[in-house]
Amino acid sequence: MAEITIKEVAQKCGVGVSTVSRALNNHSDINPETKARIMKVIEETGYIPNNSARNLKRTDSKTIAVLIKGITNPFFSPAIEVIEDETRRKKYTMVLRHVGAYEDEVDVALELEKERRLRGIIFLGGGFRKSTEKLKSLNVPVVFSTIGAPLLDNESKAVFSTVSVDDMLESKRMLEHVIGLGHRKIAIITEGSEELSVGQLRLQGYIEALKAAKIKVDEDLIRFVNPNLEHYSVENGYRTTKNLIATGKEFTALFCVSDMLAIGACRALTDAGYKIPKDVSVCGFDGLGLGQYVTPRLTTMRQPMMEISRQSIGTLFDIIDEVSEHKHITLACELIQGESVWKPKGSRK
């Protein structure tokens, strides 16, 4: 008998190919009677007759997926290059998929796993709170890159790996630098999502630094990006800063939780007649190369993106090759002192 295809199985059962795939992968979102009918046809036709054969087909596949949250952010470009180079060196194929701001990246991964026989997944960017049960259903190793594990329980730590910086600590370090120059009225532009995210952690670092310096936290100086735009974009930085200026609230420094937001903020301030850093200091986070080519050069907290990428893909392949279990790696940032931050007016000698 000629080898039967999944399409032929679907036709015999009167269902779609995706339904057959869900039955094979034991997903819960399928009618039990439909699943039983599909499995009976599979047994009768000899298509992937048992779990061993199905697992063998997965083992033979040498494909990993990289899912990126934040379509307009060039921060991930060098990471993709590193991951792609190492994937090619290991003779694997890489599938790249962008995830929209309001898409759940785990749901996207589940759909992608149905379409492609994946050996592992790397998530670049995104939120922290993921369903452990949903992640378990992926059945492949998962590494969250640039997303740390600040609030993970022991069960979650055993399900996936993380490689990141300590966003809260590094944000606090940036604020300590700004405060050390004499600033007391410091605004922040961050993400307003209720979900724990990079933006929320950096906001917590901002608040901790102010409290440690005995500076009252002014809620009017905490500005959240427009949720209807790409969160970490130049446009969002520009618009949010314009809204901050329009309030008339006084501030001598502005901390943006990403360089892209900071670049937009600088343009908004310049358009409003402010000189940077003479009138207002501006600092960012991430360490984009672009920040060193804007005027003035951006003061930022640089993430070791190349090392994060190497550790992420290395960790994934170690787990695939059964060299190690899941692990959680935290790397340090580097403070880049550009030209966009200086002492506030009245404190300069």
Protein backbone atom coordinates (compact mmCIF):
# COMPACT_ATOMS: atom_id res chain seq x y z
CA MET A 1 0.00 0.00 0.00
CA ALA A 2 1.28 3.48 -0.88
CA GLU A 3 2.05 5.72 2.08
CA ILE A 4 -1.10 7.61 3.03
CA THR A 5 -0.91 11.36 3.67
CA ILE A 6 -2.47 13.42 6.46
CA LYS A 7 -4.66 15.09 3.83
CA GLU A 8 -6.08 11.69 2.82
CA VAL A 9 -6.72 10.82 6.47
CA ALA A 10 -8.62 14.11 6.85
CA GLN A 11 -10.68 13.39 3.73
CA LYS A 12 -11.58 9.90 4.94
CA CYS A 13 -12.70 11.35 8.29
CA GLY A 14 -14.51 14.34 6.79
CA VAL A 15 -12.46 16.84 8.79
CA GLY A 16 -9.71 19.37 8.15
CA VAL A 17 -5.97 18.62 8.27
CA SER A 18 -5.60 20.77 11.41
CA THR A 19 -8.17 18.60 13.20
CA VAL A 20 -6.17 15.46 12.38
CA SER A 21 -3.05 17.24 13.65
CA ARG A 22 -4.79 18.09 16.94
CA ALA A 23 -5.82 14.46 17.35
CA LEU A 24 -2.25 13.25 16.73
CA ASN A 25 -0.82 15.77 19.21
CA ASN A 26 -3.44 14.92 21.85
CA HIS A 27 -4.79 18.48 22.12
CA SER A 28 -7.82 18.97 24.35
CA ASP A 29 -9.73 21.23 21.92
CA ILE A 30 -11.16 18.38 19.84
CA ASN A 31 -14.41 16.45 20.17
CA PRO A 32 -13.69 13.00 21.70
CA GLU A 33 -15.87 11.24 19.12
CA THR A 34 -14.09 13.01 16.26
CA LYS A 35 -10.73 12.11 17.77
CA ALA A 36 -11.75 8.46 18.12
CA ARG A 37 -12.88 8.36 14.48
CA ILE A 38 -9.58 9.89 13.32
CA MET A 39 -7.47 7.51 15.38
CA LYS A 40 -9.45 4.54 14.00
CA VAL A 41 -8.76 5.63 10.41
CA ILE A 42 -5.09 6.17 11.26
CA GLU A 43 -4.88 2.64 12.65
CA GLU A 44 -6.67 1.16 9.64
CA THR A 45 -4.56 2.99 7.05
CA GLY A 46 -1.22 2.71 8.83
CA TYR A 47 -0.61 6.46 8.87
CA ILE A 48 1.76 7.13 11.82
CA PRO A 49 0.38 4.03 13.54
CA ASN A 50 1.82 4.66 16.99
CA ASN A 51 3.47 7.21 19.24
CA SER A 52 6.93 5.88 18.45
CA ALA A 53 6.53 6.69 14.77
CA ARG A 54 5.15 10.12 15.56
CA ASN A 55 8.03 10.86 17.89
CA LEU A 56 10.47 9.59 15.26
CA LYS A 57 9.07 12.06 12.72
CA ARG A 58 9.54 14.87 15.26
CA THR A 59 13.08 13.72 16.01
CA ASP A 60 13.92 13.68 12.30
CA SER A 61 12.76 17.28 11.97
CA LYS A 62 15.54 19.78 12.66
CA THR A 63 13.56 23.00 12.92
CA ILE A 64 13.41 25.61 15.67
CA ALA A 65 11.09 28.61 15.84
CA VAL A 66 11.90 32.16 16.97
CA LEU A 67 8.90 34.28 17.95
CA ILE A 68 9.46 38.05 18.25
CA LYS A 69 7.20 40.36 20.28
CA GLY A 70 7.68 43.93 19.12
CA ILE A 71 7.64 44.16 15.34
CA THR A 72 9.11 47.66 14.98
CA ASN A 73 11.89 47.31 17.54
CA PRO A 74 15.36 46.95 15.91
CA PHE A 75 16.71 45.80 19.30
CA PHE A 76 16.17 42.18 18.27
CA SER A 77 17.99 42.36 14.90
CA PRO A 78 21.44 41.34 16.19
CA ALA A 79 19.85 38.57 18.25
CA ILE A 80 18.25 37.07 15.17
CA GLU A 81 21.59 37.05 13.34
CA VAL A 82 23.35 35.23 16.19
CA ILE A 83 20.56 32.67 16.55
CA GLU A 84 20.37 32.12 12.80
CA ASP A 85 24.15 31.60 12.49
CA GLU A 86 24.23 29.03 15.29
CA THR A 87 21.13 27.29 13.95
CA ARG A 88 22.76 26.97 10.55
CA ARG A 89 25.99 25.70 12.13
CA LYS A 90 24.00 22.96 13.87
CA LYS A 91 22.40 22.13 10.49
CA TYR A 92 18.95 23.13 11.71
CA THR A 93 16.30 25.29 10.03
CA MET A 94 14.95 28.45 11.72
CA VAL A 95 11.35 29.64 11.39
CA LEU A 96 10.92 33.34 12.23
CA ARG A 97 7.52 34.66 13.30
CA HIS A 98 6.52 38.16 14.46
CA VAL A 99 3.89 38.35 17.21
CA GLY A 100 1.50 41.31 17.45
CA ALA A 101 1.25 43.44 20.60
CA TYR A 102 -2.04 41.84 21.63
CA GLU A 103 -1.32 38.29 20.49
CA ASP A 104 -0.41 35.67 23.07
CA GLU A 105 2.94 34.32 21.94
CA VAL A 106 2.28 30.89 23.50
CA ASP A 107 -0.95 30.55 21.52
CA VAL A 108 0.96 31.51 18.38
CA ALA A 109 3.61 28.89 19.24
CA LEU A 110 0.96 26.20 19.69
CA GLU A 111 -0.45 26.95 16.25
CA LEU A 112 3.04 26.98 14.73
CA GLU A 113 3.82 23.64 16.31
CA LYS A 114 0.78 22.20 14.57
CA GLU A 115 2.05 23.44 11.21
CA ARG A 116 5.74 22.56 11.63
CA ARG A 117 7.48 19.73 13.47
CA LEU A 118 9.53 21.88 15.85
CA ARG A 119 12.40 20.76 18.07
CA GLY A 120 12.48 23.94 20.17
CA ILE A 121 11.26 27.53 20.52
CA ILE A 122 12.87 30.84 21.48
CA PHE A 123 10.66 33.75 22.52
CA LEU A 124 12.21 37.21 22.03
CA GLY A 125 10.41 39.84 24.11
CA GLY A 126 6.89 39.63 25.53
CA GLY A 127 5.31 39.29 28.95
CA PHE A 128 6.26 37.19 31.97
CA ARG A 129 3.04 35.59 33.11
CA LYS A 130 2.57 32.49 31.00
CA SER A 131 0.39 29.50 31.72
CA THR A 132 2.67 26.69 32.87
CA GLU A 133 0.09 24.15 31.72
CA LYS A 134 -0.11 25.77 28.28
CA LEU A 135 3.69 25.76 27.97
CA LYS A 136 3.78 22.08 28.91
CA SER A 137 1.46 21.34 26.00
CA LEU A 138 4.12 22.56 23.57
CA ASN A 139 6.12 19.36 24.17
CA VAL A 140 9.37 21.02 23.03
CA PRO A 141 12.08 22.94 24.93
CA VAL A 142 11.31 26.66 25.35
CA VAL A 143 13.71 29.54 26.07
CA PHE A 144 12.48 33.04 26.88
CA SER A 145 15.22 35.42 25.70
CA THR A 146 15.40 38.97 27.19
CA ILE A 147 12.58 37.91 29.54
CA GLY A 148 13.83 37.15 33.04
CA ALA A 149 12.43 34.97 35.78
CA PRO A 150 11.80 37.42 38.66
CA LEU A 151 8.57 35.89 39.92
CA LEU A 152 8.69 32.31 38.67
CA ASP A 153 7.73 29.50 40.99
CA ASN A 154 9.67 26.25 41.09
CA GLU A 155 7.21 24.49 38.78
CA SER A 156 7.59 27.16 36.08
CA LYS A 157 11.37 27.16 36.38
CA ALA A 158 11.37 23.46 35.52
CA VAL A 159 9.25 23.98 32.38
CA PHE A 160 11.25 26.60 30.47
CA SER A 161 14.55 28.50 30.48
CA THR A 162 15.23 32.26 30.61
CA VAL A 163 18.17 34.44 29.58
CA SER A 164 17.98 38.13 30.42
CA VAL A 165 19.22 41.07 32.44
CA ASP A 166 17.68 42.07 35.78
CA ASP A 167 15.41 44.81 34.41
CA MET A 168 14.41 46.13 37.82
CA LEU A 169 17.97 46.33 39.12
CA GLU A 170 19.42 47.85 35.95
CA SER A 171 16.64 50.43 35.77
CA LYS A 172 17.38 51.36 39.36
CA ARG A 173 21.05 51.77 38.46
CA MET A 174 20.15 54.18 35.67
CA LEU A 175 18.03 56.26 38.02
CA GLU A 176 20.81 56.28 40.62
CA HIS A 177 23.08 57.79 37.96
CA VAL A 178 20.54 60.49 37.11
CA ILE A 179 19.80 61.23 40.78
CA GLY A 180 23.54 61.38 41.48
CA LEU A 181 23.81 64.29 39.05
CA GLY A 182 21.31 66.24 41.15
CA HIS A 183 17.97 65.52 39.45
CA ARG A 184 14.90 65.27 41.68
CA LYS A 185 12.01 65.84 39.27
CA ILE A 186 12.36 62.80 37.04
CA ALA A 187 9.61 61.64 34.69
CA ILE A 188 9.30 58.18 33.16
CA ILE A 189 7.70 56.79 30.01
CA THR A 190 6.81 53.12 30.34
CA GLU A 191 4.32 50.44 29.37
CA GLY A 192 0.95 50.53 31.11
CA SER A 193 0.08 46.86 30.74
CA GLU A 194 -1.41 45.15 33.78
CA GLU A 195 0.59 42.06 32.84
CA LEU A 196 4.04 41.87 34.36
CA SER A 197 6.40 43.01 31.62
CA VAL A 198 9.83 44.50 30.99
CA GLY A 199 8.26 47.97 31.16
CA GLN A 200 6.62 47.22 34.50
CA LEU A 201 9.87 45.89 35.98
CA ARG A 202 11.75 48.99 34.83
CA LEU A 203 9.04 51.15 36.37
CA GLN A 204 9.53 49.31 39.66
CA GLY A 205 13.27 50.00 39.45
CA TYR A 206 12.50 53.70 38.90
CA ILE A 207 10.23 53.79 41.95
CA GLU A 208 12.73 51.93 44.14
CA ALA A 209 15.53 54.35 43.20
CA LEU A 210 13.37 57.39 44.03
CA LYS A 211 12.33 55.93 47.37
CA ALA A 212 15.91 54.99 48.26
CA ALA A 213 16.93 58.61 47.59
CA LYS A 214 13.94 59.84 49.66
CA ILE A 215 12.37 61.48 46.61
CA LYS A 216 8.57 61.47 46.59
CA VAL A 217 7.08 59.46 43.74
CA ASP A 218 4.96 61.87 41.68
CA GLU A 219 2.26 59.90 39.84
CA ASP A 220 1.86 62.78 37.38
CA LEU A 221 5.42 62.14 36.15
CA ILE A 222 4.69 58.48 35.39
CA ARG A 223 3.45 58.42 31.81
CA PHE A 224 2.19 55.30 30.01
CA VAL A 225 2.55 54.74 26.29
CA ASN A 226 -0.43 54.72 23.94
CA PRO A 227 -1.71 51.10 24.01
CA ASN A 228 -3.05 51.43 20.47
CA LEU A 229 0.44 51.93 19.02
CA GLU A 230 3.45 49.60 18.99
CA HIS A 231 4.48 49.97 22.64
CA TYR A 232 8.23 50.50 22.22
CA SER A 233 8.24 52.68 19.11
CA VAL A 234 9.65 56.12 18.23
CA GLU A 235 6.13 57.36 17.47
CA ASN A 236 4.85 56.28 20.88
CA GLY A 237 7.78 58.00 22.59
CA TYR A 238 7.07 61.16 20.63
CA ARG A 239 3.33 61.24 21.33
CA THR A 240 3.62 60.31 25.01
CA THR A 241 6.24 63.00 25.59
CA LYS A 242 4.07 65.60 23.85
CA ASN A 243 1.27 64.66 26.24
CA LEU A 244 3.62 65.00 29.20
CA ILE A 245 4.74 68.45 28.06
CA ALA A 246 1.12 69.50 27.57
CA THR A 247 0.37 68.86 31.26
CA GLY A 248 2.71 71.72 32.21
CA LYS A 249 4.26 69.50 34.88
CA GLU A 250 7.87 70.44 35.63
CA PHE A 251 10.59 67.82 35.18
CA THR A 252 14.35 68.08 34.67
CA ALA A 253 14.98 64.53 33.48
CA LEU A 254 13.05 61.91 31.52
CA PHE A 255 13.74 58.17 31.72
CA CYS A 256 12.33 56.11 28.85
CA VAL A 257 12.21 52.33 29.30
CA SER A 258 13.53 51.77 25.76
CA ASP A 259 15.88 53.65 23.44
CA MET A 260 13.22 53.84 20.73
CA LEU A 261 10.90 55.65 23.13
CA ALA A 262 13.79 57.93 24.16
CA ILE A 263 14.56 58.88 20.55
CA GLY A 264 10.92 59.84 20.02
CA ALA A 265 10.96 61.75 23.31
CA CYS A 266 14.00 63.76 22.26
CA ARG A 267 12.25 64.86 19.06
CA ALA A 268 9.13 65.91 20.97
CA LEU A 269 11.18 67.94 23.45
CA THR A 270 13.18 69.58 20.67
CA ASP A 271 10.00 70.44 18.77
CA ALA A 272 8.67 72.06 21.95
CA GLY A 273 11.77 74.27 22.22
CA TYR A 274 13.67 72.35 24.90
CA LYS A 275 17.42 71.87 24.63
CA ILE A 276 18.82 68.46 25.63
CA PRO A 277 20.43 68.17 28.17
CA LYS A 278 20.53 71.90 29.01
CA ASP A 279 16.81 72.07 29.80
CA VAL A 280 15.89 68.40 30.14
CA SER A 281 18.05 65.28 30.40
CA VAL A 282 16.86 62.16 28.57
CA CYS A 283 18.01 58.56 29.05
CA GLY A 284 16.93 55.26 27.60
CA PHE A 285 17.41 51.52 28.04
CA ASP A 286 18.67 48.76 25.70
CA GLY A 287 21.82 50.21 24.12
CA LEU A 288 20.75 50.41 20.49
CA GLY A 289 23.58 51.42 18.15
CA LEU A 290 21.21 54.01 16.72
CA GLY A 291 21.33 55.89 20.02
CA GLN A 292 24.97 56.79 19.44
CA TYR A 293 24.14 58.48 16.12
CA VAL A 294 21.34 60.78 17.26
CA THR A 295 22.04 64.31 18.53
CA PRO A 296 22.86 64.39 21.37
CA ARG A 297 24.20 60.87 21.79
CA LEU A 298 21.85 58.93 24.04
CA THR A 299 22.71 57.94 27.59
CA THR A 300 21.40 54.40 28.00
CA MET A 301 21.73 51.09 29.79
CA ARG A 302 23.16 48.67 27.24
CA GLN A 303 22.00 45.07 27.33
CA PRO A 304 24.64 42.48 26.29
CA MET A 305 22.45 41.41 23.37
CA MET A 306 25.06 39.29 21.61
CA GLU A 307 25.75 37.31 24.77
CA ILE A 308 22.04 36.98 25.56
CA SER A 309 21.53 35.56 22.07
CA ARG A 310 24.45 33.13 22.32
CA GLN A 311 23.29 31.92 25.73
CA SER A 312 19.70 31.57 24.51
CA ILE A 313 20.43 29.43 21.47
CA GLY A 314 23.14 27.52 23.35
CA THR A 315 20.73 26.71 26.16
CA LEU A 316 18.07 25.57 23.70
CA PHE A 317 20.42 23.19 21.89
CA ASP A 318 21.82 21.87 25.20
CA ILE A 319 18.29 20.87 26.21
CA ILE A 320 17.48 19.43 22.77
CA ASP A 321 20.71 17.39 22.92
CA GLU A 322 19.91 16.40 26.53
CA VAL A 323 23.14 17.96 27.78
CA SER A 324 21.38 20.02 30.47
CA GLU A 325 18.05 20.75 32.14
CA HIS A 326 16.26 24.10 32.03
CA LYS A 327 18.21 27.00 33.55
CA HIS A 328 17.82 30.71 34.25
CA ILE A 329 20.67 33.05 33.32
CA THR A 330 20.95 36.70 34.36
CA LEU A 331 23.54 38.98 32.73
CA ALA A 332 24.68 42.51 33.63
CA CYS A 333 24.09 45.72 31.66
CA GLU A 334 26.60 48.47 30.90
CA LEU A 335 25.82 52.13 31.58
CA ILE A 336 26.63 54.13 28.43
CA GLN A 337 27.11 57.78 29.33
CA GLY A 338 26.23 59.74 26.22
CA GLU A 339 25.52 63.44 25.89
CA SER A 340 21.81 63.47 26.69
CA VAL A 341 22.11 63.53 30.50
CA TRP A 342 23.75 66.24 32.58
CA LYS A 343 23.25 68.15 35.82
CA PRO A 344 19.98 70.08 36.16
CA LYS A 345 19.89 73.85 35.95
CA GLY A 346 20.91 75.56 39.17
CA SER A 347 23.32 72.79 40.19
CA ARG A 348 25.96 73.35 37.51
CA LYS A 349 29.26 75.00 38.34
